[in-house]
Amino acid sequence: SGNVDMDSIPANKQNIQMLQSAGFLNIQLY
C-alpha cells in the first residue's frame, strides 16, 4: 500500500511473489 517503505519479511516463495506483484518493491536477499 506504500504505508511502509521498507520491512523485513520471512523469505519464502509465497511472500516473495506477493512482494513482487506490487511492482515497485526491490527485494534484497542475503
PDB file of all heavy atoms in Angstrom:
ATOM      1  N   SER A   1       0.810  -1.217   0.000  1.00  0.00           N
ATOM      2  CA  SER A   1       0.000   0.000   0.000  1.00  0.00           C
ATOM      3  C   SER A   1       0.845   1.269   0.000  1.00  0.00           C
ATOM      4  O   SER A   1       0.330   2.361  -0.249  1.00  0.00           O
ATOM      5  CB  SER A   1      -0.921   0.013   1.225  1.00  0.00           C
ATOM      6  OG  SER A   1      -0.164   0.160   2.417  1.00  0.00           O
ATOM      7  N   GLY A   2       2.149   1.134   0.311  1.00  0.00           N
ATOM      8  CA  GLY A   2       3.017   2.296   0.376  1.00  0.00           C
ATOM      9  C   GLY A   2       3.054   2.958   1.732  1.00  0.00           C
ATOM     10  O   GLY A   2       3.728   3.975   1.917  1.00  0.00           O
ATOM     11  N   ASN A   3       2.360   2.398   2.719  1.00  0.00           N
ATOM     12  CA  ASN A   3       2.376   2.972   4.066  1.00  0.00           C
ATOM     13  C   ASN A   3       3.713   2.734   4.759  1.00  0.00           C
ATOM     14  O   ASN A   3       4.060   3.435   5.712  1.00  0.00           O
ATOM     15  CB  ASN A   3       1.238   2.385   4.902  1.00  0.00           C
ATOM     16  CG  ASN A   3      -0.119   2.894   4.473  1.00  0.00           C
ATOM     17  OD1 ASN A   3      -0.277   4.080   4.181  1.00  0.00           O
ATOM     18  ND2 ASN A   3      -1.102   2.008   4.395  1.00  0.00           N
ATOM     19  N   VAL A   4       4.440   1.714   4.308  1.00  0.00           N
ATOM     20  CA  VAL A   4       5.779   1.414   4.820  1.00  0.00           C
ATOM     21  C   VAL A   4       6.718   1.331   3.625  1.00  0.00           C
ATOM     22  O   VAL A   4       6.363   0.754   2.590  1.00  0.00           O
ATOM     23  CB  VAL A   4       5.771   0.084   5.608  1.00  0.00           C
ATOM     24  CG1 VAL A   4       7.186  -0.390   5.889  1.00  0.00           C
ATOM     25  CG2 VAL A   4       4.996   0.244   6.912  1.00  0.00           C
ATOM     26  N   ASP A   5       7.908   1.910   3.745  1.00  0.00           N
ATOM     27  CA  ASP A   5       8.866   1.917   2.642  1.00  0.00           C
ATOM     28  C   ASP A   5       9.825   0.735   2.661  1.00  0.00           C
ATOM     29  O   ASP A   5      10.403   0.393   1.634  1.00  0.00           O
ATOM     30  CB  ASP A   5       9.699   3.204   2.684  1.00  0.00           C
ATOM     31  CG  ASP A   5       8.859   4.445   2.457  1.00  0.00           C
ATOM     32  OD1 ASP A   5       8.155   4.505   1.438  1.00  0.00           O
ATOM     33  OD2 ASP A   5       8.910   5.358   3.312  1.00  0.00           O
ATOM     34  N   MET A   6      10.002   0.145   3.819  1.00  0.00           N
ATOM     35  CA  MET A   6      10.975  -0.934   3.940  1.00  0.00           C
ATOM     36  C   MET A   6      10.614  -1.816   5.115  1.00  0.00           C
ATOM     37  O   MET A   6      10.206  -1.329   6.166  1.00  0.00           O
ATOM     38  CB  MET A   6      12.381  -0.354   4.138  1.00  0.00           C
ATOM     39  CG  MET A   6      13.469  -1.406   4.271  1.00  0.00           C
ATOM     40  SD  MET A   6      15.095  -0.645   4.418  1.00  0.00           S
ATOM     41  CE  MET A   6      15.018  -0.061   6.099  1.00  0.00           C
ATOM     42  N   ASP A   7      10.754  -3.125   4.945  1.00  0.00           N
ATOM     43  CA  ASP A   7      10.493  -4.033   6.051  1.00  0.00           C
ATOM     44  C   ASP A   7      11.148  -5.372   5.764  1.00  0.00           C
ATOM     45  O   ASP A   7      11.388  -5.740   4.604  1.00  0.00           O
ATOM     46  CB  ASP A   7       8.985  -4.227   6.253  1.00  0.00           C
ATOM     47  CG  ASP A   7       8.616  -4.621   7.683  1.00  0.00           C
ATOM     48  OD1 ASP A   7       9.534  -4.996   8.440  1.00  0.00           O
ATOM     49  OD2 ASP A   7       7.432  -4.546   8.038  1.00  0.00           O
ATOM     50  N   SER A   8      11.433  -6.103   6.814  1.00  0.00           N
ATOM     51  CA  SER A   8      11.977  -7.456   6.704  1.00  0.00           C
ATOM     52  C   SER A   8      10.818  -8.440   6.715  1.00  0.00           C
ATOM     53  O   SER A   8       9.972  -8.397   7.608  1.00  0.00           O
ATOM     54  CB  SER A   8      12.920  -7.732   7.881  1.00  0.00           C
ATOM     55  OG  SER A   8      13.380  -9.061   7.843  1.00  0.00           O
ATOM     56  N   ILE A   9      10.784  -9.318   5.720  1.00  0.00           N
ATOM     57  CA  ILE A   9       9.686 -10.268   5.541  1.00  0.00           C
ATOM     58  C   ILE A   9      10.268 -11.677   5.498  1.00  0.00           C
ATOM     59  O   ILE A   9      11.336 -11.883   4.914  1.00  0.00           O
ATOM     60  CB  ILE A   9       8.935  -9.980   4.222  1.00  0.00           C
ATOM     61  CG1 ILE A   9       8.416  -8.542   4.192  1.00  0.00           C
ATOM     62  CG2 ILE A   9       7.781 -10.955   4.029  1.00  0.00           C
ATOM     63  CD1 ILE A   9       7.378  -8.204   5.235  1.00  0.00           C
ATOM     64  N   PRO A  10       9.606 -12.670   6.091  1.00  0.00           N
ATOM     65  CA  PRO A  10      10.123 -14.037   6.017  1.00  0.00           C
ATOM     66  C   PRO A  10      10.338 -14.459   4.567  1.00  0.00           C
ATOM     67  O   PRO A  10       9.463 -14.254   3.718  1.00  0.00           O
ATOM     68  CB  PRO A  10       9.024 -14.874   6.671  1.00  0.00           C
ATOM     69  CG  PRO A  10       8.361 -13.925   7.603  1.00  0.00           C
ATOM     70  CD  PRO A  10       8.378 -12.606   6.895  1.00  0.00           C
ATOM     71  N   ALA A  11      11.500 -15.018   4.300  1.00  0.00           N
ATOM     72  CA  ALA A  11      11.838 -15.421   2.938  1.00  0.00           C
ATOM     73  C   ALA A  11      11.194 -16.756   2.592  1.00  0.00           C
ATOM     74  O   ALA A  11      11.608 -17.796   3.096  1.00  0.00           O
ATOM     75  CB  ALA A  11      13.354 -15.510   2.782  1.00  0.00           C
ATOM     76  N   ASN A  12      10.151 -16.716   1.789  1.00  0.00           N
ATOM     77  CA  ASN A  12       9.595 -17.931   1.198  1.00  0.00           C
ATOM     78  C   ASN A  12       8.964 -17.554  -0.138  1.00  0.00           C
ATOM     79  O   ASN A  12       8.753 -16.364  -0.432  1.00  0.00           O
ATOM     80  CB  ASN A  12       8.604 -18.644   2.126  1.00  0.00           C
ATOM     81  CG  ASN A  12       7.396 -17.801   2.483  1.00  0.00           C
ATOM     82  OD1 ASN A  12       6.769 -17.193   1.623  1.00  0.00           O
ATOM     83  ND2 ASN A  12       7.067 -17.758   3.767  1.00  0.00           N
ATOM     84  N   LYS A  13       8.689 -18.536  -0.969  1.00  0.00           N
ATOM     85  CA  LYS A  13       8.227 -18.270  -2.333  1.00  0.00           C
ATOM     86  C   LYS A  13       6.940 -17.459  -2.364  1.00  0.00           C
ATOM     87  O   LYS A  13       6.783 -16.539  -3.169  1.00  0.00           O
ATOM     88  CB  LYS A  13       8.037 -19.593  -3.076  1.00  0.00           C
ATOM     89  CG  LYS A  13       9.336 -20.330  -3.332  1.00  0.00           C
ATOM     90  CD  LYS A  13       9.103 -21.659  -4.019  1.00  0.00           C
ATOM     91  CE  LYS A  13      10.421 -22.406  -4.235  1.00  0.00           C
ATOM     92  NZ  LYS A  13      10.201 -23.738  -4.853  1.00  0.00           N
ATOM     93  N   GLN A  14       6.000 -17.801  -1.498  1.00  0.00           N
ATOM     94  CA  GLN A  14       4.725 -17.102  -1.491  1.00  0.00           C
ATOM     95  C   GLN A  14       4.903 -15.621  -1.154  1.00  0.00           C
ATOM     96  O   GLN A  14       4.356 -14.748  -1.827  1.00  0.00           O
ATOM     97  CB  GLN A  14       3.771 -17.744  -0.490  1.00  0.00           C
ATOM     98  CG  GLN A  14       2.407 -17.063  -0.416  1.00  0.00           C
ATOM     99  CD  GLN A  14       1.485 -17.716   0.609  1.00  0.00           C
ATOM    100  OE1 GLN A  14       1.846 -18.691   1.248  1.00  0.00           O
ATOM    101  NE2 GLN A  14       0.298 -17.163   0.757  1.00  0.00           N
ATOM    102  N   ASN A  15       5.683 -15.340  -0.109  1.00  0.00           N
ATOM    103  CA  ASN A  15       5.894 -13.950   0.286  1.00  0.00           C
ATOM    104  C   ASN A  15       6.617 -13.157  -0.797  1.00  0.00           C
ATOM    105  O   ASN A  15       6.267 -12.003  -1.081  1.00  0.00           O
ATOM    106  CB  ASN A  15       6.681 -13.881   1.583  1.00  0.00           C
ATOM    107  CG  ASN A  15       5.854 -14.265   2.800  1.00  0.00           C
ATOM    108  OD1 ASN A  15       4.636 -14.340   2.737  1.00  0.00           O
ATOM    109  ND2 ASN A  15       6.526 -14.514   3.908  1.00  0.00           N
ATOM    110  N   ILE A  16       7.623 -13.765  -1.399  1.00  0.00           N
ATOM    111  CA  ILE A  16       8.376 -13.068  -2.446  1.00  0.00           C
ATOM    112  C   ILE A  16       7.490 -12.781  -3.649  1.00  0.00           C
ATOM    113  O   ILE A  16       7.545 -11.694  -4.247  1.00  0.00           O
ATOM    114  CB  ILE A  16       9.622 -13.888  -2.838  1.00  0.00           C
ATOM    115  CG1 ILE A  16      10.640 -13.849  -1.685  1.00  0.00           C
ATOM    116  CG2 ILE A  16      10.253 -13.365  -4.119  1.00  0.00           C
ATOM    117  CD1 ILE A  16      11.839 -14.735  -1.875  1.00  0.00           C
ATOM    118  N   GLN A  17       6.633 -13.730  -4.011  1.00  0.00           N
ATOM    119  CA  GLN A  17       5.708 -13.496  -5.124  1.00  0.00           C
ATOM    120  C   GLN A  17       4.740 -12.357  -4.811  1.00  0.00           C
ATOM    121  O   GLN A  17       4.451 -11.514  -5.673  1.00  0.00           O
ATOM    122  CB  GLN A  17       4.925 -14.776  -5.426  1.00  0.00           C
ATOM    123  CG  GLN A  17       5.763 -15.863  -6.078  1.00  0.00           C
ATOM    124  CD  GLN A  17       5.022 -17.186  -6.222  1.00  0.00           C
ATOM    125  OE1 GLN A  17       3.882 -17.338  -5.750  1.00  0.00           O
ATOM    126  NE2 GLN A  17       5.654 -18.146  -6.860  1.00  0.00           N
ATOM    127  N   MET A  18       4.260 -12.300  -3.569  1.00  0.00           N
ATOM    128  CA  MET A  18       3.352 -11.217  -3.185  1.00  0.00           C
ATOM    129  C   MET A  18       4.055  -9.864  -3.235  1.00  0.00           C
ATOM    130  O   MET A  18       3.485  -8.866  -3.684  1.00  0.00           O
ATOM    131  CB  MET A  18       2.798 -11.480  -1.775  1.00  0.00           C
ATOM    132  CG  MET A  18       1.837 -12.648  -1.691  1.00  0.00           C
ATOM    133  SD  MET A  18       1.311 -12.993   0.018  1.00  0.00           S
ATOM    134  CE  MET A  18       0.338 -11.517   0.373  1.00  0.00           C
ATOM    135  N   LEU A  19       5.297  -9.829  -2.785  1.00  0.00           N
ATOM    136  CA  LEU A  19       6.058  -8.589  -2.817  1.00  0.00           C
ATOM    137  C   LEU A  19       6.337  -8.151  -4.256  1.00  0.00           C
ATOM    138  O   LEU A  19       6.212  -6.973  -4.599  1.00  0.00           O
ATOM    139  CB  LEU A  19       7.377  -8.755  -2.056  1.00  0.00           C
ATOM    140  CG  LEU A  19       7.261  -8.979  -0.543  1.00  0.00           C
ATOM    141  CD1 LEU A  19       8.603  -9.393   0.044  1.00  0.00           C
ATOM    142  CD2 LEU A  19       6.750  -7.721   0.158  1.00  0.00           C
ATOM    143  N   GLN A  20       6.702  -9.103  -5.101  1.00  0.00           N
ATOM    144  CA  GLN A  20       6.988  -8.778  -6.493  1.00  0.00           C
ATOM    145  C   GLN A  20       5.752  -8.293  -7.238  1.00  0.00           C
ATOM    146  O   GLN A  20       5.845  -7.469  -8.152  1.00  0.00           O
ATOM    147  CB  GLN A  20       7.587  -9.990  -7.208  1.00  0.00           C
ATOM    148  CG  GLN A  20       9.015 -10.309  -6.791  1.00  0.00           C
ATOM    149  CD  GLN A  20       9.594 -11.481  -7.552  1.00  0.00           C
ATOM    150  OE1 GLN A  20       9.008 -12.565  -7.583  1.00  0.00           O
ATOM    151  NE2 GLN A  20      10.749 -11.277  -8.169  1.00  0.00           N
ATOM    152  N   SER A  21       4.589  -8.783  -6.835  1.00  0.00           N
ATOM    153  CA  SER A  21       3.355  -8.389  -7.518  1.00  0.00           C
ATOM    154  C   SER A  21       3.055  -6.905  -7.376  1.00  0.00           C
ATOM    155  O   SER A  21       2.318  -6.329  -8.184  1.00  0.00           O
ATOM    156  CB  SER A  21       2.174  -9.211  -6.990  1.00  0.00           C
ATOM    157  OG  SER A  21       1.856  -8.835  -5.654  1.00  0.00           O
ATOM    158  N   ALA A  22       3.644  -6.270  -6.347  1.00  0.00           N
ATOM    159  CA  ALA A  22       3.426  -4.834  -6.162  1.00  0.00           C
ATOM    160  C   ALA A  22       4.099  -4.030  -7.266  1.00  0.00           C
ATOM    161  O   ALA A  22       3.689  -2.906  -7.566  1.00  0.00           O
ATOM    162  CB  ALA A  22       3.943  -4.393  -4.804  1.00  0.00           C
ATOM    163  N   GLY A  23       5.140  -4.583  -7.864  1.00  0.00           N
ATOM    164  CA  GLY A  23       5.807  -3.938  -8.982  1.00  0.00           C
ATOM    165  C   GLY A  23       6.892  -2.953  -8.607  1.00  0.00           C
ATOM    166  O   GLY A  23       7.915  -2.861  -9.283  1.00  0.00           O
ATOM    167  N   PHE A  24       6.699  -2.179  -7.532  1.00  0.00           N
ATOM    168  CA  PHE A  24       7.641  -1.104  -7.186  1.00  0.00           C
ATOM    169  C   PHE A  24       8.588  -1.454  -6.046  1.00  0.00           C
ATOM    170  O   PHE A  24       9.348  -0.599  -5.577  1.00  0.00           O
ATOM    171  CB  PHE A  24       6.869   0.167  -6.828  1.00  0.00           C
ATOM    172  CG  PHE A  24       6.057   0.059  -5.556  1.00  0.00           C
ATOM    173  CD1 PHE A  24       6.590   0.474  -4.332  1.00  0.00           C
ATOM    174  CD2 PHE A  24       4.789  -0.474  -5.573  1.00  0.00           C
ATOM    175  CE1 PHE A  24       5.853   0.361  -3.165  1.00  0.00           C
ATOM    176  CE2 PHE A  24       4.040  -0.583  -4.403  1.00  0.00           C
ATOM    177  CZ  PHE A  24       4.573  -0.163  -3.192  1.00  0.00           C
ATOM    178  N   LEU A  25       8.562  -2.702  -5.606  1.00  0.00           N
ATOM    179  CA  LEU A  25       9.400  -3.101  -4.482  1.00  0.00           C
ATOM    180  C   LEU A  25      10.639  -3.858  -4.959  1.00  0.00           C
ATOM    181  O   LEU A  25      10.536  -4.839  -5.702  1.00  0.00           O
ATOM    182  CB  LEU A  25       8.611  -3.983  -3.514  1.00  0.00           C
ATOM    183  CG  LEU A  25       7.430  -3.323  -2.797  1.00  0.00           C
ATOM    184  CD1 LEU A  25       6.622  -4.373  -2.036  1.00  0.00           C
ATOM    185  CD2 LEU A  25       7.915  -2.225  -1.840  1.00  0.00           C
ATOM    186  N   ASN A  26      11.816  -3.374  -4.546  1.00  0.00           N
ATOM    187  CA  ASN A  26      13.047  -4.124  -4.750  1.00  0.00           C
ATOM    188  C   ASN A  26      13.201  -5.082  -3.574  1.00  0.00           C
ATOM    189  O   ASN A  26      12.869  -4.730  -2.432  1.00  0.00           O
ATOM    190  CB  ASN A  26      14.252  -3.193  -4.800  1.00  0.00           C
ATOM    191  CG  ASN A  26      14.235  -2.291  -6.017  1.00  0.00           C
ATOM    192  OD1 ASN A  26      14.122  -2.770  -7.142  1.00  0.00           O
ATOM    193  ND2 ASN A  26      14.330  -0.981  -5.800  1.00  0.00           N
ATOM    194  N   ILE A  27      13.696  -6.282  -3.838  1.00  0.00           N
ATOM    195  CA  ILE A  27      13.839  -7.279  -2.775  1.00  0.00           C
ATOM    196  C   ILE A  27      15.306  -7.658  -2.642  1.00  0.00           C
ATOM    197  O   ILE A  27      15.924  -8.138  -3.596  1.00  0.00           O
ATOM    198  CB  ILE A  27      12.997  -8.533  -3.074  1.00  0.00           C
ATOM    199  CG1 ILE A  27      11.517  -8.151  -3.234  1.00  0.00           C
ATOM    200  CG2 ILE A  27      13.167  -9.567  -1.968  1.00  0.00           C
ATOM    201  CD1 ILE A  27      10.665  -9.274  -3.764  1.00  0.00           C
ATOM    202  N   GLN A  28      15.864  -7.414  -1.476  1.00  0.00           N
ATOM    203  CA  GLN A  28      17.256  -7.771  -1.210  1.00  0.00           C
ATOM    204  C   GLN A  28      17.279  -9.037  -0.359  1.00  0.00           C
ATOM    205  O   GLN A  28      16.695  -9.083   0.719  1.00  0.00           O
ATOM    206  CB  GLN A  28      17.980  -6.621  -0.506  1.00  0.00           C
ATOM    207  CG  GLN A  28      18.044  -5.346  -1.345  1.00  0.00           C
ATOM    208  CD  GLN A  28      19.000  -4.312  -0.799  1.00  0.00           C
ATOM    209  OE1 GLN A  28      20.078  -4.647  -0.290  1.00  0.00           O
ATOM    210  NE2 GLN A  28      18.638  -3.036  -0.921  1.00  0.00           N
ATOM    211  N   LEU A  29      17.933 -10.062  -0.884  1.00  0.00           N
ATOM    212  CA  LEU A  29      18.046 -11.352  -0.210  1.00  0.00           C
ATOM    213  C   LEU A  29      19.511 -11.620   0.103  1.00  0.00           C
ATOM    214  O   LEU A  29      20.369 -11.490  -0.768  1.00  0.00           O
ATOM    215  CB  LEU A  29      17.518 -12.473  -1.112  1.00  0.00           C
ATOM    216  CG  LEU A  29      16.007 -12.534  -1.355  1.00  0.00           C
ATOM    217  CD1 LEU A  29      15.714 -13.337  -2.615  1.00  0.00           C
ATOM    218  CD2 LEU A  29      15.309 -13.175  -0.162  1.00  0.00           C
ATOM    219  N   TYR A  30      19.792 -12.009   1.345  1.00  0.00           N
ATOM    220  CA  TYR A  30      21.180 -12.314   1.683  1.00  0.00           C
ATOM    221  C   TYR A  30      21.238 -13.270   2.871  1.00  0.00           C
ATOM    222  O   TYR A  30      20.342 -13.321   3.700  1.00  0.00           O
ATOM    223  CB  TYR A  30      21.971 -11.044   1.989  1.00  0.00           C
ATOM    224  CG  TYR A  30      21.364 -10.142   3.040  1.00  0.00           C
ATOM    225  CD1 TYR A  30      21.699 -10.272   4.390  1.00  0.00           C
ATOM    226  CD2 TYR A  30      20.455  -9.143   2.683  1.00  0.00           C
ATOM    227  CE1 TYR A  30      21.145  -9.446   5.357  1.00  0.00           C
ATOM    228  CE2 TYR A  30      19.899  -8.299   3.643  1.00  0.00           C
ATOM    229  CZ  TYR A  30      20.251  -8.456   4.969  1.00  0.00           C
ATOM    230  OH  TYR A  30      19.694  -7.633   5.926  1.00  0.00           O
TER     231      TYR A  30
END
